Amino acid sequence: LVEDLYKAGYKLYTASTKAEWLCELCIEELRLTHCFEKVCGAGNDGV
């Protein structure tokens, strides 16, 4: 679905409350980094 949305022209963002660097690792594991304009998550400072 993510790949199809990307190909259709949508700008994609994650919106998670887990730490942003951890979101980035997850998206990398899924091999979807190229689909996202920005991986957005909670601040890496934990606050």
All heavy atoms as atom14 arrays in JSON, in Angstrom:
{
  "sequence": "LVEDLYKAGYKLYTASTKAEWLCELCIEELRLTHCFEKVCGAGNDGV",
  "atom14_mask": [
    [1, 1, 1, 1, 1, 1, 1, 1, 0, 0, 0, 0, 0, 0],
    [1, 1, 1, 1, 1, 1, 1, 0, 0, 0, 0, 0, 0, 0],
    [1, 1, 1, 1, 1, 1, 1, 1, 1, 0, 0, 0, 0, 0],
    [1, 1, 1, 1, 1, 1, 1, 1, 0, 0, 0, 0, 0, 0],
    [1, 1, 1, 1, 1, 1, 1, 1, 0, 0, 0, 0, 0, 0],
    [1, 1, 1, 1, 1, 1, 1, 1, 1, 1, 1, 1, 0, 0],
    [1, 1, 1, 1, 1, 1, 1, 1, 1, 0, 0, 0, 0, 0],
    [1, 1, 1, 1, 1, 0, 0, 0, 0, 0, 0, 0, 0, 0],
    [1, 1, 1, 1, 0, 0, 0, 0, 0, 0, 0, 0, 0, 0],
    [1, 1, 1, 1, 1, 1, 1, 1, 1, 1, 1, 1, 0, 0],
    [1, 1, 1, 1, 1, 1, 1, 1, 1, 0, 0, 0, 0, 0],
    [1, 1, 1, 1, 1, 1, 1, 1, 0, 0, 0, 0, 0, 0],
    [1, 1, 1, 1, 1, 1, 1, 1, 1, 1, 1, 1, 0, 0],
    [1, 1, 1, 1, 1, 1, 1, 0, 0, 0, 0, 0, 0, 0],
    [1, 1, 1, 1, 1, 0, 0, 0, 0, 0, 0, 0, 0, 0],
    [1, 1, 1, 1, 1, 1, 0, 0, 0, 0, 0, 0, 0, 0],
    [1, 1, 1, 1, 1, 1, 1, 0, 0, 0, 0, 0, 0, 0],
    [1, 1, 1, 1, 1, 1, 1, 1, 1, 0, 0, 0, 0, 0],
    [1, 1, 1, 1, 1, 0, 0, 0, 0, 0, 0, 0, 0, 0],
    [1, 1, 1, 1, 1, 1, 1, 1, 1, 0, 0, 0, 0, 0],
    [1, 1, 1, 1, 1, 1, 1, 1, 1, 1, 1, 1, 1, 1],
    [1, 1, 1, 1, 1, 1, 1, 1, 0, 0, 0, 0, 0, 0],
    [1, 1, 1, 1, 1, 1, 0, 0, 0, 0, 0, 0, 0, 0],
    [1, 1, 1, 1, 1, 1, 1, 1, 1, 0, 0, 0, 0, 0],
    [1, 1, 1, 1, 1, 1, 1, 1, 0, 0, 0, 0, 0, 0],
    [1, 1, 1, 1, 1, 1, 0, 0, 0, 0, 0, 0, 0, 0],
    [1, 1, 1, 1, 1, 1, 1, 1, 0, 0, 0, 0, 0, 0],
    [1, 1, 1, 1, 1, 1, 1, 1, 1, 0, 0, 0, 0, 0],
    [1, 1, 1, 1, 1, 1, 1, 1, 1, 0, 0, 0, 0, 0],
    [1, 1, 1, 1, 1, 1, 1, 1, 0, 0, 0, 0, 0, 0],
    [1, 1, 1, 1, 1, 1, 1, 1, 1, 1, 1, 0, 0, 0],
    [1, 1, 1, 1, 1, 1, 1, 1, 0, 0, 0, 0, 0, 0],
    [1, 1, 1, 1, 1, 1, 1, 0, 0, 0, 0, 0, 0, 0],
    [1, 1, 1, 1, 1, 1, 1, 1, 1, 1, 0, 0, 0, 0],
    [1, 1, 1, 1, 1, 1, 0, 0, 0, 0, 0, 0, 0, 0],
    [1, 1, 1, 1, 1, 1, 1, 1, 1, 1, 1, 0, 0, 0],
    [1, 1, 1, 1, 1, 1, 1, 1, 1, 0, 0, 0, 0, 0],
    [1, 1, 1, 1, 1, 1, 1, 1, 1, 0, 0, 0, 0, 0],
    [1, 1, 1, 1, 1, 1, 1, 0, 0, 0, 0, 0, 0, 0],
    [1, 1, 1, 1, 1, 1, 0, 0, 0, 0, 0, 0, 0, 0],
    [1, 1, 1, 1, 0, 0, 0, 0, 0, 0, 0, 0, 0, 0],
    [1, 1, 1, 1, 1, 0, 0, 0, 0, 0, 0, 0, 0, 0],
    [1, 1, 1, 1, 0, 0, 0, 0, 0, 0, 0, 0, 0, 0],
    [1, 1, 1, 1, 1, 1, 1, 1, 0, 0, 0, 0, 0, 0],
    [1, 1, 1, 1, 1, 1, 1, 1, 0, 0, 0, 0, 0, 0],
    [1, 1, 1, 1, 0, 0, 0, 0, 0, 0, 0, 0, 0, 0],
    [1, 1, 1, 1, 1, 1, 1, 0, 0, 0, 0, 0, 0, 0]
  ],
  "atom14_positions": [
    [[0.83, -1.2, 0.0], [0.0, 0.0, 0.0], [0.86, 1.26, 0.0], [0.61, 2.2, -0.76], [-0.92, 0.01, 1.22], [-1.73, 1.31, 1.41], [-2.76, 1.48, 0.29], [-2.41, 1.33, 2.77], [0.0, 0.0, 0.0], [0.0, 0.0, 0.0], [0.0, 0.0, 0.0], [0.0, 0.0, 0.0], [0.0, 0.0, 0.0], [0.0, 0.0, 0.0]],
    [[1.88, 1.28, 0.84], [2.78, 2.44, 0.89], [3.41, 2.68, -0.47], [3.47, 3.82, -0.97], [3.86, 2.25, 1.97], [4.95, 3.32, 1.85], [3.24, 2.29, 3.36], [0.0, 0.0, 0.0], [0.0, 0.0, 0.0], [0.0, 0.0, 0.0], [0.0, 0.0, 0.0], [0.0, 0.0, 0.0], [0.0, 0.0, 0.0], [0.0, 0.0, 0.0]],
    [[3.88, 1.62, -1.1], [4.51, 1.76, -2.41], [3.51, 2.27, -3.45], [3.86, 3.12, -4.28], [5.09, 0.41, -2.84], [6.29, -0.01, -2.0], [6.76, -1.42, -2.29], [5.94, -2.22, -2.82], [7.92, -1.73, -1.98], [0.0, 0.0, 0.0], [0.0, 0.0, 0.0], [0.0, 0.0, 0.0], [0.0, 0.0, 0.0], [0.0, 0.0, 0.0]],
    [[2.28, 1.8, -3.38], [1.25, 2.25, -4.33], [0.9, 3.73, -4.1], [0.69, 4.47, -5.07], [0.0, 1.39, -4.19], [0.18, -0.02, -4.74], [1.16, -0.25, -5.48], [-0.65, -0.9, -4.41], [0.0, 0.0, 0.0], [0.0, 0.0, 0.0], [0.0, 0.0, 0.0], [0.0, 0.0, 0.0], [0.0, 0.0, 0.0], [0.0, 0.0, 0.0]],
    [[0.81, 4.14, -2.84], [0.52, 5.55, -2.54], [1.64, 6.45, -3.05], [1.39, 7.53, -3.6], [0.33, 5.73, -1.03], [-0.91, 5.08, -0.41], [-0.86, 5.2, 1.11], [-2.19, 5.69, -0.95], [0.0, 0.0, 0.0], [0.0, 0.0, 0.0], [0.0, 0.0, 0.0], [0.0, 0.0, 0.0], [0.0, 0.0, 0.0], [0.0, 0.0, 0.0]],
    [[2.86, 6.01, -2.87], [4.03, 6.77, -3.34], [3.99, 6.9, -4.87], [4.17, 8.0, -5.41], [5.29, 6.07, -2.88], [6.57, 6.6, -3.47], [7.07, 7.86, -3.11], [7.29, 5.84, -4.39], [8.26, 8.34, -3.66], [8.48, 6.31, -4.94], [8.95, 7.57, -4.57], [10.12, 8.04, -5.12], [0.0, 0.0, 0.0], [0.0, 0.0, 0.0]],
    [[3.74, 5.8, -5.54], [3.71, 5.82, -7.0], [2.56, 6.68, -7.53], [2.64, 7.25, -8.62], [3.58, 4.39, -7.53], [4.83, 3.55, -7.32], [4.59, 2.1, -7.72], [5.81, 1.23, -7.42], [5.54, -0.21, -7.72], [0.0, 0.0, 0.0], [0.0, 0.0, 0.0], [0.0, 0.0, 0.0], [0.0, 0.0, 0.0], [0.0, 0.0, 0.0]],
    [[1.48, 6.78, -6.73], [0.33, 7.58, -7.16], [0.57, 9.08, -7.0], [-0.22, 9.89, -7.49], [-0.91, 7.18, -6.35], [0.0, 0.0, 0.0], [0.0, 0.0, 0.0], [0.0, 0.0, 0.0], [0.0, 0.0, 0.0], [0.0, 0.0, 0.0], [0.0, 0.0, 0.0], [0.0, 0.0, 0.0], [0.0, 0.0, 0.0], [0.0, 0.0, 0.0]],
    [[1.66, 9.44, -6.31], [2.0, 10.85, -6.19], [1.75, 11.49, -4.84], [1.96, 12.71, -4.68], [0.0, 0.0, 0.0], [0.0, 0.0, 0.0], [0.0, 0.0, 0.0], [0.0, 0.0, 0.0], [0.0, 0.0, 0.0], [0.0, 0.0, 0.0], [0.0, 0.0, 0.0], [0.0, 0.0, 0.0], [0.0, 0.0, 0.0], [0.0, 0.0, 0.0]],
    [[1.31, 10.73, -3.87], [1.12, 11.29, -2.52], [2.47, 11.58, -1.87], [3.45, 10.86, -2.08], [0.36, 10.3, -1.63], [-1.11, 10.18, -1.94], [-1.6, 9.06, -2.61], [-2.02, 11.16, -1.55], [-2.95, 8.93, -2.89], [-3.37, 11.03, -1.82], [-3.84, 9.92, -2.49], [-5.17, 9.79, -2.76], [0.0, 0.0, 0.0], [0.0, 0.0, 0.0]],
    [[2.48, 12.62, -1.04], [3.63, 12.87, -0.17], [3.37, 12.09, 1.12], [2.34, 12.28, 1.76], [3.77, 14.37, 0.12], [4.08, 15.2, -1.12], [3.97, 16.68, -0.85], [5.06, 17.18, 0.08], [5.01, 18.66, 0.24], [0.0, 0.0, 0.0], [0.0, 0.0, 0.0], [0.0, 0.0, 0.0], [0.0, 0.0, 0.0], [0.0, 0.0, 0.0]],
    [[4.29, 11.22, 1.48], [4.09, 10.34, 2.62], [4.97, 10.73, 3.8], [6.13, 11.11, 3.63], [4.39, 8.89, 2.22], [3.63, 8.31, 1.03], [4.02, 6.86, 0.81], [2.13, 8.44, 1.23], [0.0, 0.0, 0.0], [0.0, 0.0, 0.0], [0.0, 0.0, 0.0], [0.0, 0.0, 0.0], [0.0, 0.0, 0.0], [0.0, 0.0, 0.0]],
    [[4.39, 10.6, 4.99], [5.08, 10.89, 6.24], [4.67, 9.84, 7.27], [3.51, 9.41, 7.28], [4.67, 12.26, 6.79], [4.95, 13.41, 5.88], [4.07, 13.7, 4.81], [6.05, 14.23, 6.05], [4.31, 14.76, 3.96], [6.29, 15.31, 5.19], [5.43, 15.56, 4.14], [5.67, 16.61, 3.3], [0.0, 0.0, 0.0], [0.0, 0.0, 0.0]],
    [[5.58, 9.44, 8.12], [5.15, 8.67, 9.28], [4.7, 9.67, 10.35], [5.15, 10.82, 10.37], [6.26, 7.78, 9.87], [7.34, 8.6, 10.35], [6.78, 6.8, 8.82], [0.0, 0.0, 0.0], [0.0, 0.0, 0.0], [0.0, 0.0, 0.0], [0.0, 0.0, 0.0], [0.0, 0.0, 0.0], [0.0, 0.0, 0.0], [0.0, 0.0, 0.0]],
    [[3.82, 9.23, 11.22], [3.38, 10.05, 12.36], [3.23, 9.1, 13.54], [2.16, 8.58, 13.81], [2.07, 10.76, 12.06], [0.0, 0.0, 0.0], [0.0, 0.0, 0.0], [0.0, 0.0, 0.0], [0.0, 0.0, 0.0], [0.0, 0.0, 0.0], [0.0, 0.0, 0.0], [0.0, 0.0, 0.0], [0.0, 0.0, 0.0], [0.0, 0.0, 0.0]],
    [[4.35, 8.88, 14.21], [4.41, 7.91, 15.3], [4.91, 8.59, 16.56], [5.66, 9.57, 16.48], [5.35, 6.76, 14.92], [5.63, 5.92, 16.02], [0.0, 0.0, 0.0], [0.0, 0.0, 0.0], [0.0, 0.0, 0.0], [0.0, 0.0, 0.0], [0.0, 0.0, 0.0], [0.0, 0.0, 0.0], [0.0, 0.0, 0.0], [0.0, 0.0, 0.0]],
    [[4.51, 8.06, 17.71], [5.01, 8.62, 18.97], [6.17, 7.79, 19.53], [6.52, 7.92, 20.69], [3.89, 8.72, 20.03], [3.19, 7.48, 20.13], [2.91, 9.83, 19.66], [0.0, 0.0, 0.0], [0.0, 0.0, 0.0], [0.0, 0.0, 0.0], [0.0, 0.0, 0.0], [0.0, 0.0, 0.0], [0.0, 0.0, 0.0], [0.0, 0.0, 0.0]],
    [[6.75, 6.93, 18.69], [8.02, 6.3, 19.1], [9.13, 7.24, 18.64], [8.94, 8.08, 17.75], [8.19, 4.91, 18.51], [8.34, 4.84, 17.01], [8.88, 3.48, 16.55], [7.91, 2.36, 16.78], [8.49, 1.04, 16.47], [0.0, 0.0, 0.0], [0.0, 0.0, 0.0], [0.0, 0.0, 0.0], [0.0, 0.0, 0.0], [0.0, 0.0, 0.0]],
    [[10.31, 7.12, 19.25], [11.43, 8.02, 18.95], [11.71, 8.04, 17.44], [11.69, 6.99, 16.78], [12.67, 7.58, 19.71], [0.0, 0.0, 0.0], [0.0, 0.0, 0.0], [0.0, 0.0, 0.0], [0.0, 0.0, 0.0], [0.0, 0.0, 0.0], [0.0, 0.0, 0.0], [0.0, 0.0, 0.0], [0.0, 0.0, 0.0], [0.0, 0.0, 0.0]],
    [[11.99, 9.22, 16.93], [12.14, 9.37, 15.49], [13.24, 8.49, 14.91], [13.08, 7.89, 13.84], [12.39, 10.83, 15.14], [12.38, 11.1, 13.65], [12.26, 12.57, 13.36], [11.16, 13.11, 13.5], [13.29, 13.19, 13.01], [0.0, 0.0, 0.0], [0.0, 0.0, 0.0], [0.0, 0.0, 0.0], [0.0, 0.0, 0.0], [0.0, 0.0, 0.0]],
    [[14.37, 8.36, 15.61], [15.45, 7.55, 15.06], [15.03, 6.08, 15.01], [15.44, 5.34, 14.1], [16.74, 7.71, 15.86], [16.76, 7.08, 17.22], [16.4, 7.65, 18.4], [17.17, 5.75, 17.54], [16.55, 6.76, 19.43], [17.03, 5.59, 18.93], [17.64, 4.67, 16.78], [17.34, 4.4, 19.59], [17.96, 3.49, 17.44], [17.81, 3.35, 18.82]],
    [[14.16, 5.67, 15.93], [13.66, 4.3, 15.92], [12.67, 4.11, 14.77], [12.65, 3.05, 14.12], [12.99, 4.0, 17.26], [12.66, 2.55, 17.59], [13.89, 1.67, 17.48], [12.06, 2.45, 18.98], [0.0, 0.0, 0.0], [0.0, 0.0, 0.0], [0.0, 0.0, 0.0], [0.0, 0.0, 0.0], [0.0, 0.0, 0.0], [0.0, 0.0, 0.0]],
    [[11.87, 5.13, 14.51], [10.98, 5.1, 13.34], [11.81, 4.92, 12.06], [11.44, 4.15, 11.17], [10.17, 6.39, 13.23], [9.01, 6.67, 14.57], [0.0, 0.0, 0.0], [0.0, 0.0, 0.0], [0.0, 0.0, 0.0], [0.0, 0.0, 0.0], [0.0, 0.0, 0.0], [0.0, 0.0, 0.0], [0.0, 0.0, 0.0], [0.0, 0.0, 0.0]],
    [[12.9, 5.65, 11.98], [13.76, 5.57, 10.8], [14.31, 4.16, 10.61], [14.36, 3.65, 9.48], [14.9, 6.58, 10.92], [14.43, 8.02, 10.82], [15.51, 9.03, 11.19], [16.56, 8.6, 11.73], [15.3, 10.24, 10.97], [0.0, 0.0, 0.0], [0.0, 0.0, 0.0], [0.0, 0.0, 0.0], [0.0, 0.0, 0.0], [0.0, 0.0, 0.0]],
    [[14.72, 3.52, 11.72], [15.21, 2.14, 11.63], [14.13, 1.2, 11.13], [14.38, 0.32, 10.3], [15.71, 1.67, 13.0], [17.06, 2.2, 13.47], [17.39, 1.64, 14.86], [18.17, 1.82, 12.5], [0.0, 0.0, 0.0], [0.0, 0.0, 0.0], [0.0, 0.0, 0.0], [0.0, 0.0, 0.0], [0.0, 0.0, 0.0], [0.0, 0.0, 0.0]],
    [[12.91, 1.37, 11.63], [11.79, 0.52, 11.2], [11.51, 0.68, 9.71], [11.32, -0.31, 9.0], [10.53, 0.85, 11.99], [10.57, 0.32, 13.71], [0.0, 0.0, 0.0], [0.0, 0.0, 0.0], [0.0, 0.0, 0.0], [0.0, 0.0, 0.0], [0.0, 0.0, 0.0], [0.0, 0.0, 0.0], [0.0, 0.0, 0.0], [0.0, 0.0, 0.0]],
    [[11.48, 1.93, 9.26], [11.21, 2.17, 7.84], [12.35, 1.63, 6.97], [12.12, 1.09, 5.88], [10.98, 3.68, 7.59], [9.74, 4.16, 8.34], [10.85, 3.96, 6.09], [8.46, 3.42, 7.99], [0.0, 0.0, 0.0], [0.0, 0.0, 0.0], [0.0, 0.0, 0.0], [0.0, 0.0, 0.0], [0.0, 0.0, 0.0], [0.0, 0.0, 0.0]],
    [[13.58, 1.73, 7.46], [14.71, 1.13, 6.74], [14.57, -0.38, 6.65], [14.83, -0.98, 5.6], [16.02, 1.5, 7.45], [16.44, 2.94, 7.26], [17.65, 3.31, 8.09], [18.29, 2.37, 8.65], [17.97, 4.5, 8.21], [0.0, 0.0, 0.0], [0.0, 0.0, 0.0], [0.0, 0.0, 0.0], [0.0, 0.0, 0.0], [0.0, 0.0, 0.0]],
    [[14.16, -1.01, 7.77], [13.98, -2.46, 7.78], [12.92, -2.89, 6.77], [13.01, -3.96, 6.17], [13.57, -2.92, 9.19], [14.66, -2.86, 10.24], [15.65, -4.01, 10.13], [15.25, -5.12, 9.76], [16.85, -3.78, 10.43], [0.0, 0.0, 0.0], [0.0, 0.0, 0.0], [0.0, 0.0, 0.0], [0.0, 0.0, 0.0], [0.0, 0.0, 0.0]],
    [[11.91, -2.04, 6.58], [10.84, -2.33, 5.62], [11.23, -1.97, 4.19], [10.47, -2.23, 3.26], [9.57, -1.55, 6.01], [8.92, -1.93, 7.33], [7.8, -0.94, 7.68], [8.36, -3.34, 7.28], [0.0, 0.0, 0.0], [0.0, 0.0, 0.0], [0.0, 0.0, 0.0], [0.0, 0.0, 0.0], [0.0, 0.0, 0.0], [0.0, 0.0, 0.0]],
    [[12.4, -1.34, 4.03], [12.91, -0.91, 2.72], [11.95, 0.08, 2.05], [11.69, 0.02, 0.84], [13.17, -2.12, 1.81], [14.22, -3.06, 2.39], [14.53, -4.21, 1.46], [15.55, -5.08, 2.04], [16.03, -6.18, 1.44], [15.57, -6.52, 0.25], [16.94, -6.92, 2.04], [0.0, 0.0, 0.0], [0.0, 0.0, 0.0], [0.0, 0.0, 0.0]],
    [[11.47, 1.02, 2.87], [10.51, 2.01, 2.37], [11.01, 3.44, 2.5], [10.26, 4.38, 2.25], [9.18, 1.88, 3.13], [8.35, 0.61, 2.86], [7.14, 0.57, 3.8], [7.9, 0.54, 1.41], [0.0, 0.0, 0.0], [0.0, 0.0, 0.0], [0.0, 0.0, 0.0], [0.0, 0.0, 0.0], [0.0, 0.0, 0.0], [0.0, 0.0, 0.0]],
    [[12.26, 3.61, 2.87], [12.79, 4.96, 3.1], [12.56, 5.88, 1.91], [12.21, 7.06, 2.06], [14.28, 4.9, 3.44], [14.47, 4.07, 4.6], [14.83, 6.29, 3.76], [0.0, 0.0, 0.0], [0.0, 0.0, 0.0], [0.0, 0.0, 0.0], [0.0, 0.0, 0.0], [0.0, 0.0, 0.0], [0.0, 0.0, 0.0], [0.0, 0.0, 0.0]],
    [[12.73, 5.36, 0.72], [12.61, 6.17, -0.49], [11.19, 6.69, -0.71], [10.98, 7.65, -1.46], [13.04, 5.36, -1.71], [12.14, 4.2, -2.02], [12.17, 3.03, -1.29], [11.17, 4.03, -2.97], [11.28, 2.18, -1.77], [10.65, 2.76, -2.77], [0.0, 0.0, 0.0], [0.0, 0.0, 0.0], [0.0, 0.0, 0.0], [0.0, 0.0, 0.0]],
    [[10.2, 6.08, -0.05], [8.8, 6.47, -0.25], [8.39, 7.68, 0.58], [7.37, 8.32, 0.28], [7.87, 5.31, 0.11], [8.0, 3.87, -0.99], [0.0, 0.0, 0.0], [0.0, 0.0, 0.0], [0.0, 0.0, 0.0], [0.0, 0.0, 0.0], [0.0, 0.0, 0.0], [0.0, 0.0, 0.0], [0.0, 0.0, 0.0], [0.0, 0.0, 0.0]],
    [[9.17, 8.0, 1.61], [8.73, 9.0, 2.58], [9.45, 10.34, 2.4], [10.67, 10.39, 2.28], [8.93, 8.49, 4.0], [7.93, 7.45, 4.41], [8.16, 6.11, 4.16], [6.72, 7.83, 4.99], [7.22, 5.15, 4.5], [5.78, 6.88, 5.33], [6.02, 5.54, 5.09], [0.0, 0.0, 0.0], [0.0, 0.0, 0.0], [0.0, 0.0, 0.0]],
    [[8.65, 11.41, 2.4], [9.2, 12.76, 2.42], [9.99, 12.99, 3.7], [11.06, 13.58, 3.7], [8.07, 13.79, 2.34], [7.33, 13.85, 1.03], [8.12, 14.54, -0.06], [8.82, 15.52, 0.26], [8.05, 14.1, -1.21], [0.0, 0.0, 0.0], [0.0, 0.0, 0.0], [0.0, 0.0, 0.0], [0.0, 0.0, 0.0], [0.0, 0.0, 0.0]],
    [[9.41, 12.51, 4.81], [10.03, 12.69, 6.12], [9.49, 11.63, 7.07], [8.28, 11.4, 7.12], [9.73, 14.1, 6.66], [10.12, 14.35, 8.11], [11.61, 14.34, 8.33], [11.96, 14.7, 9.78], [13.38, 14.49, 10.09], [0.0, 0.0, 0.0], [0.0, 0.0, 0.0], [0.0, 0.0, 0.0], [0.0, 0.0, 0.0], [0.0, 0.0, 0.0]],
    [[10.38, 10.98, 7.79], [9.97, 10.06, 8.85], [9.83, 10.88, 10.12], [10.82, 11.41, 10.64], [11.0, 8.93, 9.02], [10.64, 8.05, 10.22], [11.08, 8.08, 7.75], [0.0, 0.0, 0.0], [0.0, 0.0, 0.0], [0.0, 0.0, 0.0], [0.0, 0.0, 0.0], [0.0, 0.0, 0.0], [0.0, 0.0, 0.0], [0.0, 0.0, 0.0]],
    [[8.61, 11.01, 10.6], [8.33, 11.87, 11.76], [7.94, 11.01, 12.96], [7.11, 10.11, 12.86], [7.18, 12.83, 11.45], [7.53, 13.95, 10.08], [0.0, 0.0, 0.0], [0.0, 0.0, 0.0], [0.0, 0.0, 0.0], [0.0, 0.0, 0.0], [0.0, 0.0, 0.0], [0.0, 0.0, 0.0], [0.0, 0.0, 0.0], [0.0, 0.0, 0.0]],
    [[8.55, 11.32, 14.09], [8.25, 10.6, 15.32], [8.44, 11.49, 16.51], [8.62, 12.71, 16.38], [0.0, 0.0, 0.0], [0.0, 0.0, 0.0], [0.0, 0.0, 0.0], [0.0, 0.0, 0.0], [0.0, 0.0, 0.0], [0.0, 0.0, 0.0], [0.0, 0.0, 0.0], [0.0, 0.0, 0.0], [0.0, 0.0, 0.0], [0.0, 0.0, 0.0]],
    [[8.43, 10.89, 17.68], [8.68, 11.65, 18.9], [10.12, 12.14, 18.92], [10.99, 11.58, 18.25], [8.41, 10.77, 20.12], [0.0, 0.0, 0.0], [0.0, 0.0, 0.0], [0.0, 0.0, 0.0], [0.0, 0.0, 0.0], [0.0, 0.0, 0.0], [0.0, 0.0, 0.0], [0.0, 0.0, 0.0], [0.0, 0.0, 0.0], [0.0, 0.0, 0.0]],
    [[10.37, 13.18, 19.69], [11.71, 13.72, 19.78], [12.69, 12.7, 20.32], [12.37, 11.91, 21.21], [0.0, 0.0, 0.0], [0.0, 0.0, 0.0], [0.0, 0.0, 0.0], [0.0, 0.0, 0.0], [0.0, 0.0, 0.0], [0.0, 0.0, 0.0], [0.0, 0.0, 0.0], [0.0, 0.0, 0.0], [0.0, 0.0, 0.0], [0.0, 0.0, 0.0]],
    [[13.89, 12.7, 19.79], [14.9, 11.75, 20.25], [15.39, 12.04, 21.66], [16.12, 11.24, 22.25], [16.09, 11.75, 19.28], [15.7, 11.18, 17.93], [14.87, 10.28, 17.84], [16.29, 11.69, 16.86], [0.0, 0.0, 0.0], [0.0, 0.0, 0.0], [0.0, 0.0, 0.0], [0.0, 0.0, 0.0], [0.0, 0.0, 0.0], [0.0, 0.0, 0.0]],
    [[14.97, 13.18, 22.22], [15.35, 13.52, 23.59], [14.43, 12.86, 24.62], [14.65, 12.97, 25.83], [15.33, 15.03, 23.8], [13.98, 15.67, 23.46], [13.01, 14.91, 23.19], [13.89, 16.9, 23.47], [0.0, 0.0, 0.0], [0.0, 0.0, 0.0], [0.0, 0.0, 0.0], [0.0, 0.0, 0.0], [0.0, 0.0, 0.0], [0.0, 0.0, 0.0]],
    [[13.39, 12.16, 24.15], [12.48, 11.49, 25.07], [11.46, 12.41, 25.71], [10.66, 11.98, 26.54], [0.0, 0.0, 0.0], [0.0, 0.0, 0.0], [0.0, 0.0, 0.0], [0.0, 0.0, 0.0], [0.0, 0.0, 0.0], [0.0, 0.0, 0.0], [0.0, 0.0, 0.0], [0.0, 0.0, 0.0], [0.0, 0.0, 0.0], [0.0, 0.0, 0.0]],
    [[11.47, 13.68, 25.33], [10.59, 14.66, 25.96], [9.67, 15.33, 24.93], [8.46, 15.42, 25.11], [11.4, 15.74, 26.71], [10.45, 16.78, 27.31], [12.26, 15.1, 27.79], [0.0, 0.0, 0.0], [0.0, 0.0, 0.0], [0.0, 0.0, 0.0], [0.0, 0.0, 0.0], [0.0, 0.0, 0.0], [0.0, 0.0, 0.0], [0.0, 0.0, 0.0]]
  ]
}
